[in-house]
N, C-alpha and C. Protein backbone atom coordinates (compact mmCIF):
# COMPACT_ATOMS: atom_id res chain seq x y z
N MET A 1 142.19 197.66 123.88
CA MET A 1 142.90 198.57 123.03
C MET A 1 144.28 197.99 122.76
N SER A 2 144.77 198.18 121.60
CA SER A 2 146.03 197.64 121.17
C SER A 2 147.17 198.57 121.53
N TRP A 3 148.33 197.97 121.74
CA TRP A 3 149.51 198.76 122.05
C TRP A 3 150.21 199.25 120.78
N ARG A 4 149.70 198.82 119.67
CA ARG A 4 150.31 199.24 118.42
C ARG A 4 149.84 200.66 118.05
N THR A 5 150.70 201.31 117.41
CA THR A 5 150.33 202.66 116.99
C THR A 5 149.59 202.61 115.68
N SER A 6 148.63 203.43 115.57
CA SER A 6 147.91 203.54 114.30
C SER A 6 147.80 205.01 113.95
N GLU A 7 147.40 205.24 112.79
CA GLU A 7 147.31 206.63 112.36
C GLU A 7 146.16 207.34 113.07
N ASN A 8 145.15 206.59 113.45
CA ASN A 8 143.98 207.21 114.10
C ASN A 8 144.24 207.51 115.56
N HIS A 9 145.17 206.83 116.18
CA HIS A 9 145.42 207.03 117.60
C HIS A 9 146.80 207.63 117.79
N ASN A 10 146.86 208.47 118.65
CA ASN A 10 148.14 209.10 118.95
C ASN A 10 148.67 208.55 120.27
N LEU A 11 148.92 207.24 120.27
CA LEU A 11 149.45 206.61 121.48
C LEU A 11 150.93 206.38 121.31
N THR A 12 151.60 206.53 122.34
CA THR A 12 153.02 206.25 122.30
C THR A 12 153.25 204.96 123.07
N LEU A 13 153.93 204.05 122.43
CA LEU A 13 154.22 202.74 123.03
C LEU A 13 155.56 202.81 123.74
N PRO A 14 155.63 202.17 124.87
CA PRO A 14 156.93 202.13 125.52
C PRO A 14 157.87 201.23 124.74
N SER A 15 159.07 201.48 124.80
CA SER A 15 160.05 200.70 124.06
C SER A 15 160.24 199.35 124.73
N ARG A 16 160.60 198.37 123.95
CA ARG A 16 160.78 197.01 124.47
C ARG A 16 162.01 196.94 125.38
N LYS A 17 162.81 197.84 125.35
CA LYS A 17 164.03 197.82 126.13
C LYS A 17 163.85 198.44 127.51
N THR A 18 162.68 198.88 127.82
CA THR A 18 162.43 199.49 129.12
C THR A 18 162.71 198.47 130.20
N PRO A 19 163.42 198.82 131.25
CA PRO A 19 163.77 197.87 132.29
C PRO A 19 162.55 197.24 132.95
N LEU A 20 161.48 197.97 133.07
CA LEU A 20 160.26 197.42 133.65
C LEU A 20 159.70 196.32 132.77
N LEU A 21 159.67 196.56 131.47
CA LEU A 21 159.16 195.56 130.54
C LEU A 21 160.08 194.37 130.45
N VAL A 22 161.35 194.58 130.49
CA VAL A 22 162.30 193.47 130.44
C VAL A 22 162.10 192.59 131.67
N GLY A 23 161.94 193.18 132.81
CA GLY A 23 161.71 192.42 134.04
C GLY A 23 160.40 191.65 133.98
N LEU A 24 159.35 192.30 133.47
CA LEU A 24 158.06 191.62 133.34
C LEU A 24 158.13 190.48 132.33
N ASN A 25 158.82 190.70 131.23
CA ASN A 25 158.96 189.65 130.21
C ASN A 25 159.70 188.44 130.79
N ILE A 26 160.74 188.70 131.56
CA ILE A 26 161.49 187.61 132.18
C ILE A 26 160.61 186.87 133.18
N GLU A 27 159.84 187.63 133.96
CA GLU A 27 158.94 187.02 134.93
C GLU A 27 157.86 186.19 134.23
N ILE A 28 157.34 186.69 133.13
CA ILE A 28 156.33 185.95 132.35
C ILE A 28 156.93 184.66 131.80
N LEU A 29 158.13 184.74 131.26
CA LEU A 29 158.79 183.54 130.72
C LEU A 29 159.06 182.52 131.82
N ASN A 30 159.51 182.99 132.98
CA ASN A 30 159.76 182.08 134.10
C ASN A 30 158.47 181.42 134.57
N THR A 31 157.40 182.19 134.67
CA THR A 31 156.11 181.66 135.09
C THR A 31 155.59 180.66 134.07
N LYS A 32 155.77 181.01 132.79
CA LYS A 32 155.32 180.11 131.72
C LYS A 32 156.07 178.79 131.78
N SER A 33 157.37 178.83 131.95
CA SER A 33 158.15 177.58 132.02
C SER A 33 157.81 176.79 133.27
N ALA A 34 157.56 177.48 134.40
CA ALA A 34 157.17 176.79 135.63
C ALA A 34 155.81 176.12 135.46
N LEU A 35 154.88 176.82 134.81
CA LEU A 35 153.56 176.23 134.56
C LEU A 35 153.67 175.02 133.65
N LEU A 36 154.46 175.12 132.60
CA LEU A 36 154.65 173.98 131.70
C LEU A 36 155.28 172.80 132.43
N GLU A 37 156.24 173.09 133.29
CA GLU A 37 156.88 172.02 134.07
C GLU A 37 155.88 171.37 135.03
N ASN A 38 155.05 172.20 135.67
CA ASN A 38 154.02 171.67 136.57
C ASN A 38 153.02 170.80 135.81
N VAL A 39 152.59 171.26 134.65
CA VAL A 39 151.64 170.48 133.83
C VAL A 39 152.27 169.17 133.41
N LYS A 40 153.54 169.23 133.01
CA LYS A 40 154.24 168.02 132.60
C LYS A 40 154.35 167.04 133.77
N SER A 41 154.68 167.56 134.95
CA SER A 41 154.80 166.73 136.14
C SER A 41 153.44 166.10 136.50
N LEU A 42 152.38 166.90 136.43
CA LEU A 42 151.03 166.39 136.72
C LEU A 42 150.63 165.29 135.73
N ARG A 43 150.94 165.50 134.47
CA ARG A 43 150.60 164.49 133.44
C ARG A 43 151.35 163.19 133.71
N ASN A 44 152.64 163.30 134.06
CA ASN A 44 153.41 162.10 134.35
C ASN A 44 152.86 161.38 135.58
N GLY A 45 152.48 162.14 136.59
CA GLY A 45 151.89 161.56 137.79
C GLY A 45 150.57 160.85 137.48
N LEU A 46 149.75 161.47 136.67
CA LEU A 46 148.47 160.87 136.28
C LEU A 46 148.69 159.60 135.44
N LYS A 47 149.68 159.65 134.54
CA LYS A 47 149.98 158.46 133.75
C LYS A 47 150.44 157.32 134.65
N SER A 48 151.27 157.65 135.63
CA SER A 48 151.75 156.64 136.57
C SER A 48 150.59 156.06 137.37
N SER A 49 149.69 156.92 137.84
CA SER A 49 148.52 156.45 138.58
C SER A 49 147.62 155.58 137.71
N LEU A 50 147.46 155.99 136.46
CA LEU A 50 146.65 155.21 135.53
C LEU A 50 147.25 153.83 135.29
N ASN A 51 148.57 153.77 135.11
CA ASN A 51 149.24 152.48 134.91
C ASN A 51 149.09 151.58 136.13
N GLU A 52 149.22 152.16 137.32
CA GLU A 52 149.06 151.39 138.55
C GLU A 52 147.63 150.88 138.69
N ALA A 53 146.67 151.73 138.35
CA ALA A 53 145.26 151.32 138.42
C ALA A 53 144.97 150.20 137.42
N MET A 54 145.54 150.29 136.25
CA MET A 54 145.34 149.24 135.23
C MET A 54 145.95 147.92 135.70
N LEU A 55 147.11 147.99 136.35
CA LEU A 55 147.75 146.79 136.88
C LEU A 55 146.88 146.16 137.96
N GLN A 56 146.36 146.96 138.86
CA GLN A 56 145.48 146.44 139.91
C GLN A 56 144.20 145.86 139.32
N LYS A 57 143.69 146.50 138.29
CA LYS A 57 142.49 146.01 137.62
C LYS A 57 142.75 144.63 137.02
N GLY A 58 143.90 144.46 136.40
CA GLY A 58 144.26 143.15 135.84
C GLY A 58 144.37 142.08 136.91
N GLN A 59 144.96 142.43 138.04
CA GLN A 59 145.08 141.47 139.13
C GLN A 59 143.71 141.06 139.67
N VAL A 60 142.82 142.03 139.83
CA VAL A 60 141.47 141.74 140.34
C VAL A 60 140.71 140.89 139.34
N GLN A 61 140.82 141.20 138.06
CA GLN A 61 140.14 140.40 137.04
C GLN A 61 140.66 138.97 137.02
N GLY A 62 141.96 138.80 137.23
CA GLY A 62 142.53 137.45 137.32
C GLY A 62 141.95 136.68 138.48
N LYS A 63 141.81 137.34 139.62
CA LYS A 63 141.22 136.68 140.79
C LYS A 63 139.75 136.36 140.55
N LEU A 64 139.05 137.25 139.85
CA LEU A 64 137.63 137.01 139.56
C LEU A 64 137.45 135.82 138.63
N ARG A 65 138.40 135.61 137.73
CA ARG A 65 138.31 134.45 136.83
C ARG A 65 138.45 133.15 137.60
N LEU A 66 139.21 133.17 138.69
CA LEU A 66 139.40 131.97 139.51
C LEU A 66 138.22 131.71 140.43
N LEU A 67 137.39 132.70 140.65
CA LEU A 67 136.30 132.60 141.62
C LEU A 67 135.30 131.48 141.31
N PRO A 68 134.84 131.28 140.07
CA PRO A 68 133.87 130.20 139.83
C PRO A 68 134.42 128.82 140.19
N GLY A 69 135.68 128.56 139.91
CA GLY A 69 136.28 127.27 140.27
C GLY A 69 136.34 127.09 141.78
N ALA A 70 136.74 128.13 142.46
CA ALA A 70 136.81 128.06 143.92
C ALA A 70 135.42 127.90 144.53
N GLN A 71 134.44 128.55 143.92
CA GLN A 71 133.07 128.45 144.42
C GLN A 71 132.54 127.03 144.23
N ARG A 72 132.83 126.41 143.08
CA ARG A 72 132.40 125.02 142.85
C ARG A 72 133.06 124.08 143.85
N GLU A 73 134.34 124.30 144.12
CA GLU A 73 135.06 123.47 145.08
C GLU A 73 134.47 123.63 146.48
N LEU A 74 134.14 124.86 146.84
CA LEU A 74 133.53 125.11 148.14
C LEU A 74 132.17 124.43 148.24
N GLN A 75 131.36 124.48 147.18
CA GLN A 75 130.06 123.82 147.19
C GLN A 75 130.21 122.32 147.33
N THR A 76 131.19 121.73 146.67
CA THR A 76 131.44 120.30 146.79
C THR A 76 131.80 119.94 148.23
N LEU A 77 132.68 120.72 148.83
CA LEU A 77 133.06 120.48 150.22
C LEU A 77 131.87 120.64 151.15
N MET A 78 131.04 121.64 150.90
CA MET A 78 129.87 121.86 151.75
C MET A 78 128.88 120.70 151.62
N ARG A 79 128.69 120.19 150.40
CA ARG A 79 127.79 119.04 150.22
C ARG A 79 128.30 117.84 151.00
N GLY A 80 129.59 117.54 150.86
CA GLY A 80 130.18 116.42 151.59
C GLY A 80 130.03 116.60 153.09
N SER A 81 130.26 117.80 153.56
CA SER A 81 130.13 118.09 154.98
C SER A 81 128.68 117.92 155.44
N ASN A 82 127.74 118.39 154.64
CA ASN A 82 126.33 118.25 155.00
C ASN A 82 125.90 116.79 155.04
N ILE A 83 126.40 115.99 154.09
CA ILE A 83 126.06 114.57 154.08
C ILE A 83 126.60 113.89 155.34
N LYS A 84 127.85 114.18 155.68
CA LYS A 84 128.45 113.58 156.88
C LYS A 84 127.72 114.03 158.14
N GLU A 85 127.35 115.29 158.19
CA GLU A 85 126.64 115.80 159.35
C GLU A 85 125.27 115.14 159.50
N THR A 86 124.57 114.98 158.38
CA THR A 86 123.26 114.33 158.41
C THR A 86 123.39 112.88 158.83
N LEU A 87 124.38 112.17 158.29
CA LEU A 87 124.60 110.77 158.65
C LEU A 87 124.94 110.65 160.14
N TYR A 88 125.80 111.52 160.64
CA TYR A 88 126.18 111.49 162.05
C TYR A 88 124.95 111.73 162.94
N SER A 89 124.14 112.69 162.56
CA SER A 89 122.92 112.99 163.33
C SER A 89 121.97 111.79 163.32
N TYR A 90 121.84 111.14 162.16
CA TYR A 90 120.96 109.96 162.04
C TYR A 90 121.47 108.83 162.94
N LEU A 91 122.78 108.59 162.91
CA LEU A 91 123.34 107.52 163.73
C LEU A 91 123.20 107.82 165.23
N LEU A 92 123.38 109.07 165.61
CA LEU A 92 123.16 109.43 167.02
C LEU A 92 121.71 109.21 167.43
N GLN A 93 120.80 109.53 166.54
CA GLN A 93 119.38 109.33 166.83
C GLN A 93 119.08 107.85 166.99
N LYS A 94 119.61 107.03 166.11
CA LYS A 94 119.37 105.59 166.20
C LYS A 94 119.99 105.02 167.47
N ARG A 95 121.16 105.49 167.85
CA ARG A 95 121.80 105.02 169.08
C ARG A 95 120.95 105.39 170.29
N ALA A 96 120.41 106.59 170.29
CA ALA A 96 119.55 107.00 171.39
C ALA A 96 118.28 106.16 171.44
N GLU A 97 117.70 105.90 170.26
CA GLU A 97 116.49 105.06 170.21
C GLU A 97 116.78 103.66 170.73
N THR A 98 117.92 103.11 170.35
CA THR A 98 118.29 101.77 170.81
C THR A 98 118.50 101.75 172.31
N ALA A 99 119.14 102.77 172.84
CA ALA A 99 119.36 102.84 174.29
C ALA A 99 118.03 102.93 175.03
N ILE A 100 117.09 103.69 174.47
CA ILE A 100 115.77 103.79 175.10
C ILE A 100 115.04 102.45 175.07
N ILE A 101 115.12 101.77 173.93
CA ILE A 101 114.45 100.47 173.81
C ILE A 101 115.07 99.46 174.78
N LEU A 102 116.40 99.44 174.87
CA LEU A 102 117.05 98.50 175.78
C LEU A 102 116.73 98.83 177.23
N ALA A 103 116.63 100.08 177.56
CA ALA A 103 116.35 100.46 178.94
C ALA A 103 114.90 100.18 179.32
N SER A 104 114.01 100.24 178.37
CA SER A 104 112.59 100.07 178.68
C SER A 104 112.11 98.63 178.54
N THR A 105 112.97 97.74 178.12
CA THR A 105 112.56 96.35 177.96
C THR A 105 112.37 95.73 179.34
N THR A 106 111.19 95.20 179.56
CA THR A 106 110.90 94.54 180.83
C THR A 106 110.95 93.04 180.61
N ALA A 107 111.14 92.35 181.67
CA ALA A 107 111.23 90.89 181.56
C ALA A 107 109.86 90.33 181.19
N ASP A 108 109.84 89.57 180.12
CA ASP A 108 108.60 88.94 179.67
C ASP A 108 108.51 87.49 180.13
N ASN A 109 109.43 87.10 180.96
CA ASN A 109 109.47 85.72 181.42
C ASN A 109 108.40 85.50 182.50
N ARG A 110 107.69 84.43 182.35
CA ARG A 110 106.75 84.04 183.40
C ARG A 110 106.70 82.52 183.44
N VAL A 111 106.39 82.02 184.52
CA VAL A 111 106.37 80.57 184.71
C VAL A 111 105.02 80.07 184.20
N VAL A 112 105.07 79.16 183.25
CA VAL A 112 103.85 78.61 182.68
C VAL A 112 103.36 77.44 183.55
N ASP A 113 104.22 76.50 183.78
CA ASP A 113 103.90 75.36 184.65
C ASP A 113 105.02 75.23 185.67
N SER A 114 104.65 74.93 186.85
CA SER A 114 105.69 74.71 187.84
C SER A 114 106.30 73.34 187.59
N SER A 115 107.56 73.22 187.81
CA SER A 115 108.24 71.95 187.56
C SER A 115 107.87 70.94 188.63
N LYS A 116 107.87 69.78 188.20
CA LYS A 116 107.54 68.69 189.13
C LYS A 116 108.78 67.84 189.33
N LEU A 117 108.80 67.22 190.41
CA LEU A 117 109.94 66.40 190.76
C LEU A 117 110.13 65.27 189.76
N PHE A 118 109.07 64.76 189.22
CA PHE A 118 109.14 63.66 188.28
C PHE A 118 109.92 64.08 187.03
N HIS A 119 109.60 65.23 186.58
CA HIS A 119 110.26 65.70 185.37
C HIS A 119 111.76 65.89 185.61
N CYS A 120 112.14 66.37 186.76
CA CYS A 120 113.56 66.58 187.06
C CYS A 120 114.29 65.24 187.13
N ASN A 121 113.69 64.26 187.77
CA ASN A 121 114.34 62.94 187.86
C ASN A 121 114.42 62.31 186.48
N HIS A 122 113.37 62.45 185.72
CA HIS A 122 113.33 61.88 184.38
C HIS A 122 114.43 62.50 183.52
N LEU A 123 114.64 63.81 183.65
CA LEU A 123 115.68 64.50 182.88
C LEU A 123 117.07 64.04 183.32
N ARG A 124 117.23 63.81 184.60
CA ARG A 124 118.53 63.37 185.10
C ARG A 124 118.87 62.00 184.51
N THR A 125 117.92 61.14 184.46
CA THR A 125 118.18 59.80 183.92
C THR A 125 118.47 59.88 182.44
N LEU A 126 117.77 60.73 181.74
CA LEU A 126 118.02 60.87 180.30
C LEU A 126 119.42 61.44 180.04
N ILE A 127 119.81 62.37 180.84
CA ILE A 127 121.12 62.98 180.67
C ILE A 127 122.21 61.98 181.04
N SER A 128 122.03 61.24 182.08
CA SER A 128 123.04 60.27 182.48
C SER A 128 123.15 59.16 181.46
N ARG A 129 122.08 58.74 180.84
CA ARG A 129 122.14 57.71 179.79
C ARG A 129 122.87 58.26 178.57
N HIS A 130 122.61 59.48 178.29
CA HIS A 130 123.22 60.09 177.11
C HIS A 130 124.73 60.25 177.32
N ILE A 131 125.15 60.55 178.54
CA ILE A 131 126.58 60.71 178.85
C ILE A 131 127.28 59.38 178.80
N ASP A 132 126.60 58.33 179.20
CA ASP A 132 127.22 57.04 179.22
C ASP A 132 127.47 56.50 177.81
N LEU A 133 126.72 56.89 176.93
CA LEU A 133 126.88 56.40 175.56
C LEU A 133 128.12 56.88 174.98
């Protein structure tokens, strides 16, 4: 129902100057301005948060752009490391095999003919002739 008077209704409206209405109007205006100030403050806070989020997003995107280069560098280092590790393992294996072979070698020397005194004397004379020359 409207507070306005019409010919069909016999309502009496309170005057705008009533102290109760003046107090309510002031309270409404104060509440309205406080709400507007709160909304303005919230909007500024949200804008600030949005700007900070956009800045962080830019920083993360910059780091992500660097990631493929760093990943390629890491793969190169890993390949080099794997090659060195494989070579080191191979050389250790060969060293162990050589040590086993050297340790297991038995003397293959055997006497085919026993020496005779004639041969020793004959060699002595040959050596002494050769020295004299």
